[in-house]
Amino acid sequence: MKPNDAATAMPDLTPTSSNAPQQQQAQAGLDFIRQIIADDLASGKHSQIVSRFPPEPNGYLHLGHVKSICLNFGVALENWGLCNLRLDDTNPSAEKQEYVDNIKNDIHWLGFDWNGEIRYASSYFDQLYAWAIQLIEQGDAYVDLQTPEQIKLNRGSFTEAGTNSPNRDQSVAENLKLFEKMRTGGFDEGAAVLRAKVDMTSPNVHLRDPILYRVLKAHHHQTGDKWCIYPMYDYAHPLSDAIEGITHSLCTLEFEDHRPFYEWIIAKVDTKAKPRQIEFSRLNVDYTLTSKRKLKKLVDENVVQGWDDPRMPTVAGMRRRGFTPEGLRDFCQRTGVSKADGVVDIGLLEFCIRQSLENTAPRAMAVLNPLKVTLTNLPESLTLHHSRHPNVDMGERDIPLSSTIYIDKNDFAEVPPKGFKRLIPDGEVRLRHAYVIKCNEVVKDQNGEIIELKCTIDPDTLGKNPEGRKVKGVIHWVDSAQGVPAEVRVYERLFANANPEFGDDFLQNLNPDSVKIFQAVVEPSLAQANTGDRFQFEREGYFVADEKDFTTDKPVFNRILDLRDSYKPS
């Protein structure tokens, strides 16, 4: 397995004589999963690590999946192993080819590639069915004809044991006949299921004869109409791991109670490979929703404009927002891997994204709330030249300046508040990369609204400070003649509550101001940007050329994040 060859690829961890010693020296600082893997390799239990990333194709990947992707692909890369991409497509009624395509795209964008061809649980349906027959013949599975309501009721509770199904002790021959009837479409949905015969009195409810197969008469995106019975996730997942020779099956803590059945089913069919399930804490971030079902509700009810809405915590949404794969990988590395559930400060995520943008995003100027300024004594139009980045060599950009420019309305105040260091009547301020100007006149319309400022430049202040006085304020601007109209979308957090799922209806926690749209004016060079190009609009924040709506005729930029960063990583 190798990283994707794109610029976003992970560091090359191919084994070489130069990096192998460093990897060995790092053993003492390994998280508990990496320590298990290191011990298994050192003991000879495994000669090669094989991990997998196994999403269900029933929605778009989100921030929680990013951690799993980085972990599963990461441990394989670090140990010169393999990582499979397998789609656990056991519920065709909720799955779409659109989701399949986006899962593949998201993984590549994050900088990873999988071992061989993409795999599907549905590719193993014939073998899974054969093993189901084996379980019946061994007396380890039976067809239950109870209704779904009866099955739920008889399963018991956390304090009461379950009750055996009246079908539990029927003969092998009867079970084989009923299971064949299920396979050939002889039962309606919900009329029959195949259950494992484990222990209805177990304190672990997941061992109380879990369902292995159910009738589901739905067209499958991979197998078409071949099947009208489909395996349950808890049955298909461990056996798919075994078929693929997975050594370490890494999953989040909610599957810890499922592990005894994972081990039971592998032992019962006696697979050659014996994968080990290991659980880690899921990634919980405040102000962030990672329930795929609830994210789908946001999409279905048009609360957001699709799975890739820049306010969504999906990989597609974060990519369109302008987040970088490097920043997301850094975030996952900083949050670490543990057994303890907790909530991560979203400020850490934003810090990591800003860190990744600081030396990669060229600078530019954009005015979101334009206010006309006439420079009454500018002798002629000119073109200024300034670096595209103050600390990284990205070349220079041309900045046109004429007698009419735009500044931001927020950078002028007739009655300034205390500490205001921008433009005021009869006050001075420096135009970014240009002259010091003085406001001489305020022009208003018939409603008393300010529509124009008339100012003069100090001609001796281009590239140097004025003599005999100190000008503290610096504001950005754009030339009115050559500036380009653009739509700028300023995004905030989608939820106003740190716990988006608080209360009876999570939709009540939405932030009503999660997006504001401005008709802005930007530097002319920005109209030539490519979709996905990221910039720092000076004094405004980091922005990206929208990957769907941006055109040279109508530039559209999304704010990635503002420039304020109060988070202090330890």
Foldseek 3Di string as FASTA:
>chain_A
DFWQPDPLADPQLDDDPVCVVVLVVCQVVDAPVLVVVVVCCVVVVDVAAEEEQEEAQQFFAFLLSLLVLCVRQVSRRNGVHFYAYEYAHQDQVRHDVVSVVRVQVLSNQLTGDHDDDHHYLVVCVVVLVVLLLVCLVVLFKAKAQDAPVVVVVQLADLVDFGDDGPGSPDHSVVRVVVVVCLFVVVDDWRRMFMWTRFGRRDSLSLRNGHTFKTFAQDAHPPPGRNGRIGTDCLSSVLVVCLVVLHAEYEEAPVCVSSQVVSQVSCVSSVGPHDHDYDHWHTAAAFLADDDRVVLVVCPVVVVAPDCLCLQHRGSNNLLLLQFHSQLSSVLSVQVDIHRDYDYHYCLSSVVSRCVVCQAPAFEWAKAQAWAKEFAPPPPAKDWAWDARHPPDHPDIDIAIDGRIKTFYPVQEDQDDDPPRQGAYAQDWAAEVQAFIKGFDDFDADPVRHTRYTYIHTDVVPRVHADPPDDRDHYTYIHHPVQWAWEKEKEADHQFPGRHLPPDDDSVVRGDPPRIDITGMTIGNVVLPDAFSRWHQHPQFAIKTFRNPPAHSNYTYIYHSDGPDRPDDRD
